[in-house]
């Protein structure tokens, strides 16, 4: 027998065992992401269409995070006996369910098919939007928002994991830049679109999603290829997914209720403790389950865990950043909903052009993590400029517009940079799971930032409307500084493309 053939056969056997996470011992096996696994070659024009369809999905899910804020007064006038507390659940229900669904949906996308989960999410989101638009009461509207949020929670990780699976490795940073820019624009344009549509009817805030959703559904069926983790033979841990969804939902609930409960209130502490218990139980279960909802090795990756923490901090700043401008324009300068939307618009319009330069910039300066740091610095600079110029008398072009333009540029650099750095460490068979985790970081971060800013703005002093907004800017700048520190320490080195999995997996 040829000894070289024997050696080659043994090498193949060992590689196959590593790829399947098998081991003769109980110690975890480290599996390197296979950079040679490239998707089938796709014509550039078709690939551009695929990226556009997937970007529309994240745009829709992000848009509805903030689009209803300016519709609350109009909804309240139609349902005259509705309290502000009840109306707040139109937003809170969406936030909580969205956060809860993200990671389990990403894991199921890896298992049953990413396009299948994307289509299911688009269908649920579009149907929920229709129900929101024709709802006869506020409780029914809240129920429809839950359906909408479940669809959004499926769309976001499925669309990102499909993008990672469809685009060759050399083009992923640019594709991620486009995808994440559309997500950022969706969130930032929420008040803009909402302010315009409520002039027709608050119902159009939801009905506008229907033609876009149907178009995206048709395009997904026609052009987006299916992908899944072919090696998974068993159903992912359903109980673990429920524990994780409960934990994420309880964290979101604690944060959105902070202005009412207080940071040290018994309800806040109890809800947060219940969330920690659910997540801890999920982690313990994941250590031994044959197909855990989260393989803990993903979180042992320095790059991936760094992107997770940095994303929470950045999106906390981003959520507070958007709300701070909306509240200042409507509450201090007394802009109408349309005027506030138009005033905010220049910032989001800067996002996409700057997101498109992230890939070449990353190639020149040493990776997307460095671009993220620059983006945080640019956005912080924009807010420092606004801090110095903020005044109670309206002067949009002289005082606010420069900060809006500079801030949009910073967002366009930071978000694709963070997402690109985090995605670089994901192996192809965990695109859905990893995407769900990164999207959950975004959602929890936004809720945290909004809760913190609301707590600050609750201390507005009559006759001195500017001081509280300055304090809010200090919070946002501090969060951006923390993001830059984390990104500099964990995301600017050589990407760690490895994760650890238990031999029990699969």
Protein backbone atom coordinates (compact mmCIF):
# COMPACT_ATOMS: atom_id res chain seq x y z
CA UNK A 1 0.00 0.00 0.00
CA UNK A 2 1.26 3.49 -0.85
CA UNK A 3 2.23 5.20 2.41
CA UNK A 4 1.49 8.62 0.94
CA UNK A 5 -2.04 7.51 0.04
CA UNK A 6 -2.52 6.20 3.58
CA UNK A 7 -1.34 9.47 5.05
CA UNK A 8 -3.63 11.45 2.75
CA UNK A 9 -6.60 9.26 3.70
CA UNK A 10 -5.90 9.70 7.42
CA UNK A 11 -5.64 13.45 6.92
CA UNK A 12 -9.01 13.56 5.16
CA UNK A 13 -10.60 11.51 7.95
CA UNK A 14 -9.25 13.86 10.62
CA UNK A 15 -10.47 16.91 8.71
CA UNK A 16 -13.95 15.44 8.32
CA UNK A 17 -14.10 14.74 12.07
CA UNK A 18 -13.13 18.31 12.86
CA UNK A 19 -15.71 19.68 10.45
CA UNK A 20 -18.44 17.71 12.18
CA UNK A 21 -17.35 18.72 15.69
CA UNK A 22 -16.65 15.09 16.63
CA UNK A 23 -14.09 14.08 19.21
CA UNK A 24 -13.18 11.01 21.19
CA UNK A 25 -12.95 13.09 24.37
CA UNK A 26 -15.35 15.39 26.17
CA UNK A 27 -13.16 18.43 25.68
CA UNK A 28 -14.35 20.99 23.11
CA UNK A 29 -12.95 20.98 19.61
CA UNK A 30 -11.88 24.21 17.93
CA UNK A 31 -13.09 24.45 14.37
CA UNK A 32 -11.60 26.97 11.98
CA UNK A 33 -13.96 28.72 9.60
CA UNK A 34 -13.26 27.29 6.17
CA UNK A 35 -12.33 30.25 4.02
CA UNK A 36 -12.22 28.02 0.97
CA UNK A 37 -15.98 27.49 1.13
CA UNK A 38 -17.13 29.94 -1.51
CA UNK A 39 -20.71 30.26 -2.77
CA UNK A 40 -21.41 29.33 -6.40
CA UNK A 41 -20.33 32.04 -8.80
CA UNK A 42 -23.17 34.49 -9.49
CA UNK A 43 -23.36 37.10 -12.23
CA UNK A 44 -22.58 40.57 -10.78
CA UNK A 45 -25.93 41.97 -11.91
CA UNK A 46 -27.89 39.17 -10.27
CA UNK A 47 -25.76 39.43 -7.14
CA UNK A 48 -26.60 43.13 -6.99
CA UNK A 49 -30.31 42.30 -7.16
CA UNK A 50 -29.92 39.72 -4.36
CA UNK A 51 -28.13 42.26 -2.14
CA UNK A 52 -30.86 44.83 -2.87
CA UNK A 53 -33.66 42.43 -1.91
CA UNK A 54 -31.92 41.46 1.32
CA UNK A 55 -31.23 45.11 2.13
CA UNK A 56 -34.91 45.98 1.65
CA UNK A 57 -35.80 43.36 4.25
CA UNK A 58 -33.58 44.91 6.93
CA UNK A 59 -34.71 48.41 5.92
CA UNK A 60 -38.35 47.47 6.55
CA UNK A 61 -37.65 45.84 9.91
CA UNK A 62 -35.57 48.82 11.09
CA UNK A 63 -37.98 51.45 9.79
CA UNK A 64 -40.73 50.24 12.08
CA UNK A 65 -38.58 50.66 15.18
CA UNK A 66 -39.17 54.44 15.07
CA UNK A 67 -41.84 55.12 12.45
CA UNK A 68 -44.77 55.06 14.91
CA UNK A 69 -43.33 57.62 17.35
CA UNK A 70 -44.82 60.60 15.53
CA UNK A 71 -48.12 58.75 14.98
CA UNK A 72 -48.99 58.44 18.69
CA UNK A 73 -50.89 61.76 18.93
CA UNK A 74 -52.95 60.87 15.86
CA UNK A 75 -53.76 57.37 17.15
CA UNK A 76 -54.70 58.85 20.52
CA UNK A 77 -57.11 61.30 18.89
CA UNK A 78 -58.89 58.50 17.01
CA UNK A 79 -59.21 56.34 20.13
CA UNK A 80 -60.14 59.11 22.55
CA UNK A 81 -60.10 57.20 25.84
CA UNK A 82 -56.67 55.64 25.28
CA UNK A 83 -53.95 56.46 27.82
CA UNK A 84 -50.37 57.24 26.86
CA UNK A 85 -49.30 54.14 28.79
CA UNK A 86 -51.50 51.97 26.54
CA UNK A 87 -50.22 53.69 23.41
CA UNK A 88 -46.62 53.09 24.47
CA UNK A 89 -47.22 49.35 24.09
CA UNK A 90 -47.71 49.84 20.36
CA UNK A 91 -43.96 50.47 20.35
CA UNK A 92 -42.96 48.33 23.34
CA UNK A 93 -44.62 45.17 22.03
CA UNK A 94 -42.70 45.49 18.76
CA UNK A 95 -39.42 46.10 20.57
CA UNK A 96 -39.75 43.18 22.99
CA UNK A 97 -40.90 40.56 20.48
CA UNK A 98 -38.35 41.67 17.88
CA UNK A 99 -35.52 41.20 20.39
CA UNK A 100 -36.86 37.85 21.59
CA UNK A 101 -37.20 36.26 18.16
CA UNK A 102 -33.85 37.21 16.59
CA UNK A 103 -31.48 34.47 17.81
CA UNK A 104 -33.90 31.50 17.69
CA UNK A 105 -34.90 32.61 14.18
CA UNK A 106 -31.26 32.75 13.13
CA UNK A 107 -30.63 29.23 14.45
CA UNK A 108 -33.70 27.86 12.70
CA UNK A 109 -32.62 29.60 9.49
CA UNK A 110 -29.34 27.66 9.60
CA UNK A 111 -31.32 24.47 10.17
CA UNK A 112 -34.36 24.58 7.84
CA UNK A 113 -33.23 27.09 5.22
CA UNK A 114 -32.39 30.78 5.33
CA UNK A 115 -34.57 31.79 2.40
CA UNK A 116 -37.47 29.85 3.89
CA UNK A 117 -37.18 31.83 7.14
CA UNK A 118 -36.78 35.10 5.21
CA UNK A 119 -39.96 34.40 3.22
CA UNK A 120 -41.84 33.45 6.41
CA UNK A 121 -40.63 36.67 8.05
CA UNK A 122 -41.62 38.84 5.09
CA UNK A 123 -45.04 37.18 4.99
CA UNK A 124 -45.65 37.71 8.72
CA UNK A 125 -44.38 41.29 8.60
CA UNK A 126 -46.56 42.18 5.60
CA UNK A 127 -49.64 40.50 7.10
CA UNK A 128 -49.01 42.23 10.43
CA UNK A 129 -48.71 45.58 8.65
CA UNK A 130 -52.07 45.02 6.96
CA UNK A 131 -53.67 44.15 10.29
CA UNK A 132 -52.12 47.26 11.89
CA UNK A 133 -53.57 49.42 9.12
CA UNK A 134 -57.14 48.15 9.49
CA UNK A 135 -57.22 47.57 13.26
CA UNK A 136 -60.40 48.69 15.05
CA UNK A 137 -58.83 49.29 18.50
CA UNK A 138 -55.56 49.85 20.33
CA UNK A 139 -55.44 46.30 21.83
CA UNK A 140 -55.90 44.89 18.33
CA UNK A 141 -53.16 47.22 17.08
CA UNK A 142 -50.79 45.93 19.77
CA UNK A 143 -51.59 42.34 18.76
CA UNK A 144 -50.91 43.14 15.10
CA UNK A 145 -47.61 44.78 16.07
CA UNK A 146 -46.58 41.52 17.76
CA UNK A 147 -47.14 39.67 14.48
CA UNK A 148 -45.22 42.38 12.65
CA UNK A 149 -42.33 42.15 15.14
CA UNK A 150 -42.13 38.36 14.86
CA UNK A 151 -41.79 38.76 11.11
CA UNK A 152 -39.11 41.42 11.52
CA UNK A 153 -37.24 39.17 13.96
CA UNK A 154 -37.12 36.45 11.30
CA UNK A 155 -36.24 38.80 8.43
CA UNK A 156 -33.20 40.47 9.97
CA UNK A 157 -30.95 37.44 10.73
CA UNK A 158 -32.15 35.49 7.69
CA UNK A 159 -31.37 38.36 5.31
CA UNK A 160 -27.87 38.91 6.73
CA UNK A 161 -27.04 35.19 6.77
CA UNK A 162 -28.23 34.85 3.16
CA UNK A 163 -26.04 37.78 2.18
CA UNK A 164 -23.00 36.18 3.84
CA UNK A 165 -23.79 32.88 2.13
CA UNK A 166 -24.36 34.37 -1.35
CA UNK A 167 -21.50 36.84 -1.57
CA UNK A 168 -17.89 35.66 -2.05
CA UNK A 169 -15.59 36.41 0.88
CA UNK A 170 -13.72 39.14 -0.99
CA UNK A 171 -16.95 41.09 -1.55
CA UNK A 172 -18.59 40.62 1.84
CA UNK A 173 -17.35 43.82 3.47
CA UNK A 174 -18.86 45.92 0.67
CA UNK A 175 -22.11 43.92 0.70
CA UNK A 176 -22.36 44.18 4.50
CA UNK A 177 -21.80 47.92 4.13
CA UNK A 178 -24.83 48.20 1.85
CA UNK A 179 -27.00 45.93 4.01
CA UNK A 180 -26.16 47.66 7.28
CA UNK A 181 -26.48 51.12 5.71
CA UNK A 182 -30.05 50.31 4.68
CA UNK A 183 -30.74 49.13 8.25
CA UNK A 184 -29.34 52.35 9.69
CA UNK A 185 -31.27 54.45 7.18
CA UNK A 186 -34.46 52.57 8.03
CA UNK A 187 -34.10 53.40 11.71
CA UNK A 188 -33.05 57.00 11.08
CA UNK A 189 -35.72 57.63 8.44
CA UNK A 190 -38.47 56.26 10.67
CA UNK A 191 -39.39 59.71 12.03
CA UNK A 192 -39.01 61.21 8.54
CA UNK A 193 -41.36 58.75 6.84
CA UNK A 194 -43.71 58.68 9.82
CA UNK A 195 -43.94 62.46 9.93
CA UNK A 196 -44.94 62.61 6.27
CA UNK A 197 -47.41 59.72 6.29
CA UNK A 198 -49.38 60.80 9.37
CA UNK A 199 -50.48 63.86 7.41
CA UNK A 200 -52.55 61.47 5.29
CA UNK A 201 -53.53 59.08 8.10
CA UNK A 202 -51.67 57.30 10.87
CA UNK A 203 -52.78 54.04 9.23
CA UNK A 204 -50.49 54.73 6.26
CA UNK A 205 -47.52 54.36 8.63
CA UNK A 206 -48.28 50.63 8.47
CA UNK A 207 -50.00 50.25 5.11
CA UNK A 208 -46.93 51.58 3.27
CA UNK A 209 -45.18 48.30 4.13
CA UNK A 210 -47.63 46.16 2.13
CA UNK A 211 -46.55 46.95 -1.47
CA UNK A 212 -42.88 46.91 -0.46
CA UNK A 213 -43.31 43.61 1.37
CA UNK A 214 -45.12 41.97 -1.57
CA UNK A 215 -42.42 43.16 -3.97
CA UNK A 216 -39.67 41.82 -1.68
CA UNK A 217 -41.50 38.49 -1.37
CA UNK A 218 -41.76 38.07 -5.13
CA UNK A 219 -38.10 38.99 -5.57
CA UNK A 220 -36.99 36.62 -2.79
CA UNK A 221 -38.73 33.69 -4.49
CA UNK A 222 -37.33 34.63 -7.87
CA UNK A 223 -33.68 35.57 -7.28
CA UNK A 224 -32.50 34.63 -3.76
CA UNK A 225 -30.95 31.14 -3.59
CA UNK A 226 -31.64 28.85 -0.66
CA UNK A 227 -28.87 27.95 1.80
CA UNK A 228 -28.71 26.04 5.07
CA UNK A 229 -26.33 24.10 7.29
CA UNK A 230 -26.45 20.72 5.55
CA UNK A 231 -24.60 19.02 8.40
CA UNK A 232 -27.29 19.54 11.00
CA UNK A 233 -29.32 16.36 11.26
CA UNK A 234 -31.28 17.14 14.43
CA UNK A 235 -33.82 19.77 15.37
CA UNK A 236 -32.31 22.70 17.34
CA UNK A 237 -33.12 22.90 21.04
CA UNK A 238 -36.71 24.18 21.22
CA UNK A 239 -36.73 24.60 25.02
CA UNK A 240 -33.40 26.44 24.90
CA UNK A 241 -34.81 28.73 22.19
CA UNK A 242 -37.83 29.47 24.41
CA UNK A 243 -35.52 30.25 27.36
CA UNK A 244 -33.44 32.59 25.22
CA UNK A 245 -36.51 34.31 23.76
CA UNK A 246 -37.93 34.79 27.27
CA UNK A 247 -34.61 36.17 28.52
CA UNK A 248 -34.20 38.63 25.63
CA UNK A 249 -37.83 39.69 25.90
CA UNK A 250 -37.55 40.28 29.65
CA UNK A 251 -34.39 42.38 29.18
CA UNK A 252 -36.22 44.50 26.61
CA UNK A 253 -39.26 44.77 28.91
CA UNK A 254 -37.11 45.93 31.84
CA UNK A 255 -35.45 48.57 29.67
CA UNK A 256 -38.58 49.97 28.01
CA UNK A 257 -40.31 50.21 31.42
CA UNK A 258 -37.35 51.90 33.12
CA UNK A 259 -38.87 55.42 32.96
CA UNK A 260 -41.91 54.11 34.85
CA UNK A 261 -40.22 51.59 37.18
CA UNK A 262 -36.91 53.38 37.82
CA UNK A 263 -33.45 51.81 37.56
CA UNK A 264 -33.53 50.67 41.19
CA UNK A 265 -37.20 49.73 41.42
CA UNK A 266 -38.28 46.28 42.56
CA UNK A 267 -40.11 45.60 39.28
CA UNK A 268 -37.02 46.48 37.21
CA UNK A 269 -34.66 44.39 39.35
CA UNK A 270 -37.07 41.45 39.47
CA UNK A 271 -37.62 41.46 35.71
CA UNK A 272 -33.89 41.71 35.04
CA UNK A 273 -33.21 38.87 37.51
CA UNK A 274 -35.78 36.70 35.72
CA UNK A 275 -34.08 37.50 32.40
CA UNK A 276 -30.67 36.52 33.78
CA UNK A 277 -32.12 33.27 35.15
CA UNK A 278 -33.61 32.37 31.75
CA UNK A 279 -30.37 33.13 29.89
CA UNK A 280 -28.28 31.26 32.50
CA UNK A 281 -30.54 28.21 32.17
CA UNK A 282 -30.15 28.38 28.39
CA UNK A 283 -26.34 28.55 28.70
CA UNK A 284 -26.25 25.54 31.06
CA UNK A 285 -28.51 23.60 28.71
CA UNK A 286 -26.41 24.59 25.68
CA UNK A 287 -23.28 23.02 27.21
CA UNK A 288 -24.67 19.50 26.78
CA UNK A 289 -27.50 19.64 24.23
CA UNK A 290 -26.85 17.89 20.90
CA UNK A 291 -28.03 20.95 18.90
CA UNK A 292 -28.03 24.04 21.16
CA UNK A 293 -29.70 27.26 20.12
CA UNK A 294 -26.35 29.04 20.63
CA UNK A 295 -23.08 27.17 20.34
CA UNK A 296 -21.07 28.75 23.12
CA UNK A 297 -17.91 28.64 21.04
CA UNK A 298 -19.23 31.57 19.01
CA UNK A 299 -19.03 33.74 22.12
CA UNK A 300 -15.50 32.52 22.89
CA UNK A 301 -14.28 34.19 19.71
CA UNK A 302 -12.55 37.43 20.73
CA UNK A 303 -13.62 39.16 17.53
CA UNK A 304 -17.25 38.03 17.63
CA UNK A 305 -17.79 38.76 21.33
CA UNK A 306 -16.05 42.13 20.86
CA UNK A 307 -18.42 42.99 18.01
CA UNK A 308 -21.36 41.94 20.18
CA UNK A 309 -20.38 44.24 23.08
CA UNK A 310 -19.36 47.11 20.79
CA UNK A 311 -22.69 46.83 18.91
CA UNK A 312 -24.70 47.11 22.13
CA UNK A 313 -22.78 50.25 23.09
CA UNK A 314 -22.95 51.82 19.64
CA UNK A 315 -26.64 51.17 19.09
CA UNK A 316 -27.41 52.52 22.55
CA UNK A 317 -25.75 55.74 21.36
CA UNK A 318 -27.51 55.53 17.98
CA UNK A 319 -30.99 55.04 19.47
CA UNK A 320 -30.49 57.92 21.88
CA UNK A 321 -28.99 60.04 19.07
CA UNK A 322 -32.12 59.74 16.91
CA UNK A 323 -34.57 60.30 19.77
CA UNK A 324 -32.58 63.27 21.08
CA UNK A 325 -32.92 65.12 17.78
CA UNK A 326 -36.62 64.26 17.36
CA UNK A 327 -37.51 65.42 20.88
CA UNK A 328 -35.45 68.60 20.59
CA UNK A 329 -36.94 69.60 17.25
CA UNK A 330 -40.55 68.94 18.29
CA UNK A 331 -40.30 69.96 21.95
CA UNK A 332 -37.91 72.94 21.95
CA UNK A 333 -37.98 74.33 18.41
CA UNK A 334 -41.67 73.31 18.11
CA UNK A 335 -41.32 71.84 14.63
CA UNK A 336 -44.30 69.97 13.22
CA UNK A 337 -44.01 66.26 12.42
CA UNK A 338 -43.27 67.05 8.76
CA UNK A 339 -40.74 69.77 9.60
CA UNK A 340 -38.94 67.49 12.08
CA UNK A 341 -38.80 64.70 9.50
CA UNK A 342 -37.35 66.97 6.82
CA UNK A 343 -34.83 68.40 9.29
CA UNK A 344 -33.60 64.91 10.20
CA UNK A 345 -33.46 63.63 6.60
CA UNK A 346 -29.99 64.97 5.57
CA UNK A 347 -28.26 62.77 8.17
CA UNK A 348 -29.67 59.43 6.94
CA UNK A 349 -28.98 60.46 3.34
CA UNK A 350 -25.26 60.58 4.19
CA UNK A 351 -25.22 57.00 5.45
CA UNK A 352 -25.24 55.03 2.19
CA UNK A 353 -22.49 56.99 0.36
CA UNK A 354 -20.13 56.58 3.31
CA UNK A 355 -21.09 52.94 3.84
CA UNK A 356 -19.99 52.24 0.27
CA UNK A 357 -16.43 53.36 1.00
CA UNK A 358 -16.06 51.09 4.04
CA UNK A 359 -14.71 48.12 2.03
CA UNK A 360 -11.88 49.98 0.22
CA UNK A 361 -11.13 51.94 3.38
CA UNK A 362 -10.92 48.74 5.43
CA UNK A 363 -8.54 47.22 2.88
CA UNK A 364 -6.23 50.24 3.17
CA UNK A 365 -6.14 50.76 6.94
CA UNK A 366 -6.25 47.19 8.24
CA UNK A 367 -9.81 45.95 8.56
CA UNK A 368 -13.41 47.01 9.21
CA UNK A 369 -12.80 47.30 12.96
CA UNK A 370 -10.54 50.30 12.37
CA UNK A 371 -13.20 51.88 10.16
CA UNK A 372 -15.72 51.40 12.98
CA UNK A 373 -13.44 53.28 15.38
CA UNK A 374 -13.14 56.17 12.90
CA UNK A 375 -16.91 56.22 12.48
CA UNK A 376 -17.43 56.47 16.25
CA UNK A 377 -14.96 59.36 16.43
CA UNK A 378 -16.65 61.21 13.55
CA UNK A 379 -20.11 60.76 15.10
CA UNK A 380 -18.83 61.87 18.51
CA UNK A 381 -17.31 64.94 16.83
CA UNK A 382 -20.67 65.77 15.26
CA UNK A 383 -22.35 65.61 18.67
CA UNK A 384 -19.65 67.72 20.31
CA UNK A 385 -20.27 70.32 17.60
CA UNK A 386 -24.03 70.19 18.33
CA UNK A 387 -23.34 70.43 22.07
CA UNK A 388 -21.41 73.66 21.47
CA UNK A 389 -24.08 75.18 19.19
CA UNK A 390 -27.34 73.98 20.77
CA UNK A 391 -29.70 76.83 21.64
CA UNK A 392 -33.45 77.26 22.27
CA UNK A 393 -33.95 79.58 19.27
CA UNK A 394 -34.41 77.79 15.91
CA UNK A 395 -31.46 78.17 13.55
CA UNK A 396 -31.38 74.93 11.58
CA UNK A 397 -28.82 75.64 8.85
CA UNK A 398 -26.35 77.43 11.10
CA UNK A 399 -26.62 75.21 14.19
CA UNK A 400 -27.96 71.73 13.39
CA UNK A 401 -27.34 70.89 9.71
CA UNK A 402 -23.52 70.57 9.98
CA UNK A 403 -23.91 68.13 12.88
CA UNK A 404 -26.54 66.15 10.95
CA UNK A 405 -24.30 65.75 7.90
CA UNK A 406 -21.21 64.86 9.92
CA UNK A 407 -23.21 62.47 12.11
CA UNK A 408 -24.64 60.66 9.08
CA UNK A 409 -21.12 60.15 7.75
CA UNK A 410 -20.03 58.68 11.09
CA UNK A 411 -22.98 56.28 11.18
CA UNK A 412 -22.23 55.21 7.60
CA UNK A 413 -18.70 54.23 8.61
CA UNK A 414 -19.35 52.77 12.07
CA UNK A 415 -22.25 50.36 11.50
CA UNK A 416 -20.81 48.47 8.49
CA UNK A 417 -17.43 48.44 10.24
CA UNK A 418 -18.82 46.79 13.38
CA UNK A 419 -20.93 44.30 11.45
CA UNK A 420 -18.10 43.46 9.06
CA UNK A 421 -15.69 42.83 11.93
CA UNK A 422 -18.18 40.58 13.73
CA UNK A 423 -19.17 38.65 10.61
CA UNK A 424 -15.54 37.97 9.67
CA UNK A 425 -15.27 35.38 12.46
CA UNK A 426 -18.43 33.46 11.51
CA UNK A 427 -18.05 30.04 9.88
CA UNK A 428 -20.42 29.51 6.93
CA UNK A 429 -22.62 27.01 8.76
CA UNK A 430 -23.34 29.52 11.57
CA UNK A 431 -24.23 32.60 9.51
CA UNK A 432 -27.86 32.56 10.72
CA UNK A 433 -27.07 32.03 14.40
CA UNK A 434 -24.30 34.64 14.43
CA UNK A 435 -26.45 37.13 12.52
CA UNK A 436 -29.23 36.68 15.07
CA UNK A 437 -26.84 37.41 17.94
CA UNK A 438 -25.47 40.56 16.29
CA UNK A 439 -28.96 41.77 15.45
CA UNK A 440 -30.07 41.19 19.04
CA UNK A 441 -27.14 43.33 20.20
CA UNK A 442 -28.46 46.08 17.94
CA UNK A 443 -31.98 45.81 19.34
CA UNK A 444 -30.99 45.65 23.01
CA UNK A 445 -28.60 48.57 22.46
CA UNK A 446 -31.31 50.77 20.94
CA UNK A 447 -33.72 50.01 23.78
CA UNK A 448 -31.01 50.70 26.38
CA UNK A 449 -30.06 54.02 24.80
CA UNK A 450 -33.65 55.20 24.43
CA UNK A 451 -34.40 54.25 28.06
CA UNK A 452 -31.35 56.13 29.29
CA UNK A 453 -32.19 59.25 27.28
CA UNK A 454 -35.84 59.21 28.37
CA UNK A 455 -34.65 59.10 31.98
CA UNK A 456 -32.48 62.16 31.36
CA UNK A 457 -35.13 64.14 29.46
CA UNK A 458 -37.62 63.45 32.25
CA UNK A 459 -35.64 66.03 34.25
CA UNK A 460 -36.36 68.93 31.90
CA UNK A 461 -36.44 72.20 33.85
CA UNK A 462 -39.17 74.74 32.91
CA UNK A 463 -37.56 77.78 31.36
CA UNK A 464 -34.31 75.88 30.65
CA UNK A 465 -35.06 73.38 27.84
CA UNK A 466 -31.46 73.01 26.67
CA UNK A 467 -29.64 71.66 29.75
CA UNK A 468 -31.34 68.26 29.78
CA UNK A 469 -30.60 67.80 26.06
CA UNK A 470 -26.95 68.67 26.73
CA UNK A 471 -26.89 65.95 29.40
CA UNK A 472 -28.34 63.57 26.82
CA UNK A 473 -25.54 64.47 24.41
CA UNK A 474 -22.97 63.74 27.12
CA UNK A 475 -24.50 60.27 27.54
CA UNK A 476 -24.36 59.60 23.78
CA UNK A 477 -20.77 60.81 23.45
CA UNK A 478 -19.73 58.65 26.42
CA UNK A 479 -21.33 55.59 24.79
CA UNK A 480 -19.50 56.31 21.54
CA UNK A 481 -16.21 56.65 23.42
CA UNK A 482 -16.83 53.28 25.10
CA UNK A 483 -17.62 51.74 21.68
CA UNK A 484 -14.38 53.08 20.24
CA UNK A 485 -12.39 51.70 23.17
CA UNK A 486 -13.92 48.22 22.84
CA UNK A 487 -13.51 48.22 19.06
CA UNK A 488 -9.90 49.39 19.32
CA UNK A 489 -9.08 46.64 21.81
CA UNK A 490 -10.93 43.72 20.25
CA UNK A 491 -11.69 44.45 16.59
CA UNK A 492 -8.56 46.02 15.17
CA UNK A 493 -6.29 42.97 15.22
CA UNK A 494 -6.25 39.99 12.89
CA UNK A 495 -9.76 38.46 12.74
CA UNK A 496 -10.11 35.30 14.80
CA UNK A 497 -12.00 32.97 12.49
CA UNK A 498 -12.49 30.16 14.96
CA UNK A 499 -15.21 29.00 17.22
CA UNK A 500 -15.54 26.23 19.71
CA UNK A 501 -18.24 23.62 19.71
CA UNK A 502 -19.08 20.77 21.98
CA UNK A 503 -18.66 17.22 20.76
CA UNK A 504 -22.29 16.67 21.63
CA UNK A 505 -23.35 19.09 18.94
CA UNK A 506 -25.18 17.44 16.08
